[in-house]
Amino acid sequence: QVQLVESGGGLVQPGGSLRLSCAASGSIVSMYAMGWYRQAPGKKRELVAAITRDGITNYANSVKGRFTISRDNAKNTVYLQMNSLKPEDTAVYYCTAHLRTIYVESYWGQGTQVTVSS
């Protein structure tokens, strides 16, 4: 079984920063792409950022220049550094990992709340 555990969410003022972490554990043979999605109340879940095993990144237009995704392959961990946060960044943030155990599947974390408010 595989678990993805997120941490680092919370309440921050506009213009502030937060760093999210997501650690994967379990019977992981190979880790492929990892990423972060978010879902605001009443809205669909959307991709925030993704990173391949080789470090190629992809960002939503709304976060380019403000958010940075990175990973530590030795620790099966992905990070999301969020700077210049805006109220519209408020959402539950979910990490996801595409990996191989016996099969190749995608797994999701439980989500962490990020609230940007003064």
Protein backbone atom coordinates (compact mmCIF):
# COMPACT_ATOMS: atom_id res chain seq x y z
CA GLN A 1 0.00 0.00 0.00
CA VAL A 2 1.14 3.54 -0.74
CA GLN A 3 0.51 6.64 1.33
CA LEU A 4 1.01 10.29 0.40
CA VAL A 5 1.16 12.60 3.41
CA GLU A 6 0.98 16.35 2.88
CA SER A 7 2.05 19.06 5.30
CA GLY A 8 2.65 22.79 5.37
CA GLY A 9 -0.76 24.28 4.76
CA GLY A 10 -2.27 27.02 6.87
CA LEU A 11 -3.43 30.61 7.05
CA VAL A 12 -1.28 33.33 5.51
CA GLN A 13 -1.77 36.98 4.66
CA PRO A 14 -1.81 38.17 1.03
CA GLY A 15 1.74 38.53 -0.22
CA GLY A 16 2.99 35.87 2.16
CA SER A 17 4.62 32.51 1.52
CA LEU A 18 4.02 28.87 2.36
CA ARG A 19 5.87 25.67 1.56
CA LEU A 20 3.94 22.45 1.07
CA SER A 21 5.54 19.04 1.35
CA CYS A 22 4.27 15.63 0.31
CA ALA A 23 6.07 12.43 1.24
CA ALA A 24 5.22 9.12 -0.39
CA SER A 25 5.80 5.85 1.45
CA GLY A 26 5.05 2.19 0.95
CA SER A 27 5.98 -0.51 -1.52
CA ILE A 28 7.21 1.88 -4.20
CA VAL A 29 9.36 0.39 -6.94
CA SER A 30 9.63 3.46 -9.14
CA MET A 31 8.39 7.03 -8.78
CA TYR A 32 7.46 8.89 -11.94
CA ALA A 33 5.74 12.27 -12.21
CA MET A 34 4.59 14.09 -9.09
CA GLY A 35 2.40 17.12 -8.81
CA TRP A 36 0.05 19.40 -6.96
CA TYR A 37 -3.61 20.11 -7.65
CA ARG A 38 -5.99 22.41 -5.83
CA GLN A 39 -9.72 22.70 -5.40
CA ALA A 40 -11.49 25.81 -4.22
CA PRO A 41 -15.08 25.70 -2.91
CA GLY A 42 -17.53 25.32 -5.78
CA LYS A 43 -14.78 24.85 -8.35
CA LYS A 44 -13.25 21.92 -10.16
CA ARG A 45 -9.91 20.47 -9.11
CA GLU A 46 -7.17 22.03 -11.20
CA LEU A 47 -3.51 21.34 -11.85
CA VAL A 48 -1.16 23.75 -10.08
CA ALA A 49 2.24 22.30 -10.95
CA ALA A 50 3.86 19.03 -11.97
CA ILE A 51 7.41 17.69 -12.17
CA THR A 52 8.86 14.68 -13.91
CA ARG A 53 11.43 12.35 -12.42
CA ASP A 54 14.08 14.24 -14.40
CA GLY A 55 12.97 17.62 -13.07
CA ILE A 56 10.97 18.97 -16.00
CA THR A 57 8.27 21.23 -14.62
CA ASN A 58 4.89 22.50 -15.74
CA TYR A 59 2.82 25.25 -14.10
CA ALA A 60 -0.67 26.65 -14.35
CA ASN A 61 -0.58 30.12 -15.86
CA SER A 62 -2.10 31.56 -12.69
CA VAL A 63 0.90 30.56 -10.57
CA LYS A 64 3.83 30.98 -12.96
CA GLY A 65 6.52 33.15 -11.44
CA ARG A 66 5.10 32.77 -7.92
CA PHE A 67 5.14 29.02 -7.22
CA THR A 68 8.04 26.60 -7.55
CA ILE A 69 7.73 22.83 -7.56
CA SER A 70 10.68 20.62 -6.68
CA ARG A 71 11.32 17.06 -5.57
CA ASP A 72 13.77 14.89 -3.69
CA ASN A 73 13.88 11.54 -5.43
CA ALA A 74 15.81 9.89 -2.62
CA LYS A 75 13.01 10.77 -0.21
CA ASN A 76 10.07 10.30 -2.62
CA THR A 77 9.02 13.80 -1.63
CA VAL A 78 7.62 16.69 -3.64
CA TYR A 79 7.52 20.32 -2.52
CA LEU A 80 5.58 23.39 -3.54
CA GLN A 81 7.06 26.76 -2.60
CA MET A 82 4.31 29.36 -2.83
CA ASN A 83 5.27 33.04 -2.80
CA SER A 84 3.29 36.24 -3.31
CA LEU A 85 0.13 34.42 -2.30
CA LYS A 86 -3.22 35.88 -3.30
CA PRO A 87 -6.71 35.33 -1.85
CA GLU A 88 -7.60 33.44 -5.04
CA ASP A 89 -4.96 30.85 -4.14
CA THR A 90 -7.19 29.75 -1.25
CA ALA A 91 -8.05 26.09 -1.76
CA VAL A 92 -7.40 22.56 -0.59
CA TYR A 93 -4.11 21.46 -2.13
CA TYR A 94 -3.63 17.81 -3.07
CA CYS A 95 -0.42 16.11 -4.06
CA THR A 96 -0.38 13.28 -6.55
CA ALA A 97 2.23 10.77 -7.59
CA HIS A 98 2.39 8.45 -10.58
CA LEU A 99 4.35 5.43 -9.49
CA ARG A 100 4.95 1.70 -9.78
CA THR A 101 4.30 -0.85 -7.08
CA ILE A 102 3.15 -4.05 -8.73
CA TYR A 103 1.20 -1.88 -11.16
CA VAL A 104 1.69 1.65 -12.43
CA GLU A 105 -0.96 3.83 -10.81
CA SER A 106 -1.62 7.33 -9.57
CA TYR A 107 -2.09 8.05 -5.89
CA TRP A 108 -3.45 11.09 -4.08
CA GLY A 109 -2.82 12.69 -0.72
CA GLN A 110 -5.59 13.64 1.68
CA GLY A 111 -5.28 17.35 0.98
CA THR A 112 -4.08 20.34 2.99
CA GLN A 113 -5.94 23.62 3.39
CA VAL A 114 -4.30 26.84 2.26
CA THR A 115 -6.12 30.04 3.19
CA VAL A 116 -4.90 33.43 2.05
CA SER A 117 -6.66 36.19 3.95
CA SER A 118 -5.98 39.35 5.86
